Amino acid sequence: MMIGHIVKVHIDRPLGSYHPEHQDLYYEVNYGYIEDTLACDGEEIDAYVLGVDVPITSFQGRVIAVIHRLDDVEDKLVVAPINMHFSDQEIIKMTHFQEQFFHSVIIR
């Protein structure tokens, strides 16, 4: 479990961009992956970056939660600036644009 760890997120889908394969999926937050990690899908672990309201290319912050998808093979990390906190409801609201397609729970 990576909750509480400081990680560097490489942003490959910045705030305001569209998914490369699903052109109707608009990224309302910065989204990327943690280099040199491995998720259950064989790719790097993905992460939402909350608390940054401009498009970025990389970010270092604290893992504040994990979105555990009950109907998918991979979980998503939720990363925020070290001094910022978000409630479960805030996380659900900010990640709804993509998580609405999955059944998930927030793990702290």
C-alpha atoms as a PDB file:
ATOM      1  CA  MET A   1       0.000   0.000   0.000  1.00  0.00           C
ATOM      2  CA  MET A   2       1.445   3.370  -0.991  1.00  0.00           C
ATOM      3  CA  ILE A   3      -0.780   5.655   1.089  1.00  0.00           C
ATOM      4  CA  GLY A   4       1.279   8.375   2.727  1.00  0.00           C
ATOM      5  CA  HIS A   5       4.260   7.891   0.415  1.00  0.00           C
ATOM      6  CA  ILE A   6       5.754  10.757  -1.580  1.00  0.00           C
ATOM      7  CA  VAL A   7       5.724   9.889  -5.291  1.00  0.00           C
ATOM      8  CA  LYS A   8       6.549  11.525  -8.599  1.00  0.00           C
ATOM      9  CA  VAL A   9       3.759  11.341 -11.176  1.00  0.00           C
ATOM     10  CA  HIS A  10       4.603  11.552 -14.869  1.00  0.00           C
ATOM     11  CA  ILE A  11       1.562  13.279 -16.407  1.00  0.00           C
ATOM     12  CA  ASP A  12       0.578  11.814 -19.773  1.00  0.00           C
ATOM     13  CA  ARG A  13      -2.988  13.151 -19.753  1.00  0.00           C
ATOM     14  CA  PRO A  14      -2.912  16.718 -18.466  1.00  0.00           C
ATOM     15  CA  LEU A  15      -5.906  18.660 -17.215  1.00  0.00           C
ATOM     16  CA  GLY A  16      -7.963  19.776 -20.217  1.00  0.00           C
ATOM     17  CA  SER A  17      -6.847  17.000 -22.574  1.00  0.00           C
ATOM     18  CA  TYR A  18      -8.848  14.177 -24.126  1.00  0.00           C
ATOM     19  CA  HIS A  19      -8.202  10.442 -23.930  1.00  0.00           C
ATOM     20  CA  PRO A  20      -6.229   9.332 -27.025  1.00  0.00           C
ATOM     21  CA  GLU A  21      -8.620   6.454 -27.820  1.00  0.00           C
ATOM     22  CA  HIS A  22     -11.905   7.664 -26.295  1.00  0.00           C
ATOM     23  CA  GLN A  23     -12.229  11.181 -27.673  1.00  0.00           C
ATOM     24  CA  ASP A  24     -15.279  11.980 -25.535  1.00  0.00           C
ATOM     25  CA  LEU A  25     -13.330  11.442 -22.270  1.00  0.00           C
ATOM     26  CA  TYR A  26     -12.149  14.878 -21.106  1.00  0.00           C
ATOM     27  CA  TYR A  27      -9.600  14.968 -18.269  1.00  0.00           C
ATOM     28  CA  GLU A  28     -10.863  17.249 -15.517  1.00  0.00           C
ATOM     29  CA  VAL A  29      -7.695  16.689 -13.445  1.00  0.00           C
ATOM     30  CA  ASN A  30      -4.085  15.873 -14.270  1.00  0.00           C
ATOM     31  CA  TYR A  31      -3.606  12.121 -14.716  1.00  0.00           C
ATOM     32  CA  GLY A  32      -0.518  10.037 -15.179  1.00  0.00           C
ATOM     33  CA  TYR A  33       1.574   7.215 -13.804  1.00  0.00           C
ATOM     34  CA  ILE A  34       4.322   6.424 -11.332  1.00  0.00           C
ATOM     35  CA  GLU A  35       7.485   5.400 -13.187  1.00  0.00           C
ATOM     36  CA  ASP A  36       9.197   2.126 -12.253  1.00  0.00           C
ATOM     37  CA  THR A  37       6.045   0.626 -10.714  1.00  0.00           C
ATOM     38  CA  LEU A  38       3.884  -2.225 -11.926  1.00  0.00           C
ATOM     39  CA  ALA A  39       0.106  -2.462 -11.761  1.00  0.00           C
ATOM     40  CA  CYS A  40      -1.946  -5.620 -12.270  1.00  0.00           C
ATOM     41  CA  ASP A  41      -2.482  -4.712 -15.935  1.00  0.00           C
ATOM     42  CA  GLY A  42       1.266  -4.926 -16.584  1.00  0.00           C
ATOM     43  CA  GLU A  43       1.663  -1.148 -16.944  1.00  0.00           C
ATOM     44  CA  GLU A  44       2.828   1.460 -14.450  1.00  0.00           C
ATOM     45  CA  ILE A  45       0.475   2.388 -11.590  1.00  0.00           C
ATOM     46  CA  ASP A  46      -1.863   5.225 -12.644  1.00  0.00           C
ATOM     47  CA  ALA A  47      -2.556   8.292 -10.517  1.00  0.00           C
ATOM     48  CA  TYR A  48      -4.942  11.216 -10.361  1.00  0.00           C
ATOM     49  CA  VAL A  49      -3.322  14.469  -9.225  1.00  0.00           C
ATOM     50  CA  LEU A  50      -5.741  16.609  -7.206  1.00  0.00           C
ATOM     51  CA  GLY A  51      -5.200  20.152  -5.973  1.00  0.00           C
ATOM     52  CA  VAL A  52      -3.384  21.424  -9.077  1.00  0.00           C
ATOM     53  CA  ASP A  53      -5.645  23.515 -11.297  1.00  0.00           C
ATOM     54  CA  VAL A  54      -3.359  23.953 -14.323  1.00  0.00           C
ATOM     55  CA  PRO A  55      -2.023  21.415 -16.838  1.00  0.00           C
ATOM     56  CA  ILE A  56       1.354  20.015 -15.762  1.00  0.00           C
ATOM     57  CA  THR A  57       3.890  17.488 -17.075  1.00  0.00           C
ATOM     58  CA  SER A  58       5.068  16.031 -13.759  1.00  0.00           C
ATOM     59  CA  PHE A  59       4.228  16.328 -10.091  1.00  0.00           C
ATOM     60  CA  GLN A  60       5.642  15.246  -6.772  1.00  0.00           C
ATOM     61  CA  GLY A  61       3.137  14.800  -3.969  1.00  0.00           C
ATOM     62  CA  ARG A  62       1.698  12.520  -1.309  1.00  0.00           C
ATOM     63  CA  VAL A  63      -0.560   9.533  -1.986  1.00  0.00           C
ATOM     64  CA  ILE A  64      -3.709  10.348  -0.010  1.00  0.00           C
ATOM     65  CA  ALA A  65      -5.940   7.471  -1.146  1.00  0.00           C
ATOM     66  CA  VAL A  66      -6.382   4.530  -3.476  1.00  0.00           C
ATOM     67  CA  ILE A  67      -9.411   4.106  -5.708  1.00  0.00           C
ATOM     68  CA  HIS A  68      -9.944   0.351  -5.607  1.00  0.00           C
ATOM     69  CA  ARG A  69     -11.928  -0.723  -8.642  1.00  0.00           C
ATOM     70  CA  LEU A  70     -14.123  -3.696  -7.876  1.00  0.00           C
ATOM     71  CA  ASP A  71     -14.722  -4.498 -11.543  1.00  0.00           C
ATOM     72  CA  ASP A  72     -11.291  -3.838 -13.044  1.00  0.00           C
ATOM     73  CA  VAL A  73      -7.795  -5.278 -12.611  1.00  0.00           C
ATOM     74  CA  GLU A  74      -6.107  -2.058 -11.574  1.00  0.00           C
ATOM     75  CA  ASP A  75      -6.454   0.485  -8.808  1.00  0.00           C
ATOM     76  CA  LYS A  76      -5.742   4.212  -9.161  1.00  0.00           C
ATOM     77  CA  LEU A  77      -3.694   6.299  -6.750  1.00  0.00           C
ATOM     78  CA  VAL A  78      -4.871   9.727  -5.628  1.00  0.00           C
ATOM     79  CA  VAL A  79      -1.959  12.141  -5.191  1.00  0.00           C
ATOM     80  CA  ALA A  80      -2.109  15.671  -3.772  1.00  0.00           C
ATOM     81  CA  PRO A  81       0.236  18.407  -2.594  1.00  0.00           C
ATOM     82  CA  ILE A  82       1.799  17.418   0.721  1.00  0.00           C
ATOM     83  CA  ASN A  83      -0.273  19.895   2.772  1.00  0.00           C
ATOM     84  CA  MET A  84      -3.648  19.276   1.048  1.00  0.00           C
ATOM     85  CA  HIS A  85      -6.412  16.909   2.114  1.00  0.00           C
ATOM     86  CA  PHE A  86      -9.582  15.859   0.304  1.00  0.00           C
ATOM     87  CA  SER A  87     -12.600  14.000   1.640  1.00  0.00           C
ATOM     88  CA  ASP A  88     -13.819  10.785   0.037  1.00  0.00           C
ATOM     89  CA  GLN A  89     -16.719  12.731  -1.458  1.00  0.00           C
ATOM     90  CA  GLU A  90     -14.362  15.325  -2.952  1.00  0.00           C
ATOM     91  CA  ILE A  91     -12.221  12.556  -4.476  1.00  0.00           C
ATOM     92  CA  ILE A  92     -15.299  10.844  -5.923  1.00  0.00           C
ATOM     93  CA  LYS A  93     -16.550  14.136  -7.402  1.00  0.00           C
ATOM     94  CA  MET A  94     -13.186  15.106  -8.945  1.00  0.00           C
ATOM     95  CA  THR A  95     -12.555  11.673 -10.499  1.00  0.00           C
ATOM     96  CA  HIS A  96     -16.145  10.999 -11.578  1.00  0.00           C
ATOM     97  CA  PHE A  97     -15.406  11.908 -15.213  1.00  0.00           C
ATOM     98  CA  GLN A  98     -13.556   8.579 -15.531  1.00  0.00           C
ATOM     99  CA  GLU A  99     -14.532   6.552 -12.469  1.00  0.00           C
ATOM    100  CA  GLN A 100     -18.238   6.740 -13.340  1.00  0.00           C
ATOM    101  CA  PHE A 101     -17.650   3.733 -15.586  1.00  0.00           C
ATOM    102  CA  PHE A 102     -16.441   1.530 -12.709  1.00  0.00           C
ATOM    103  CA  HIS A 103     -17.617   0.320  -9.316  1.00  0.00           C
ATOM    104  CA  SER A 104     -15.023   1.353  -6.767  1.00  0.00           C
ATOM    105  CA  VAL A 105     -14.290   2.196  -3.169  1.00  0.00           C
ATOM    106  CA  ILE A 106     -11.897   4.707  -1.637  1.00  0.00           C
ATOM    107  CA  ILE A 107      -9.179   3.178   0.536  1.00  0.00           C
ATOM    108  CA  ARG A 108      -7.272   5.340   3.029  1.00  0.00           C
END
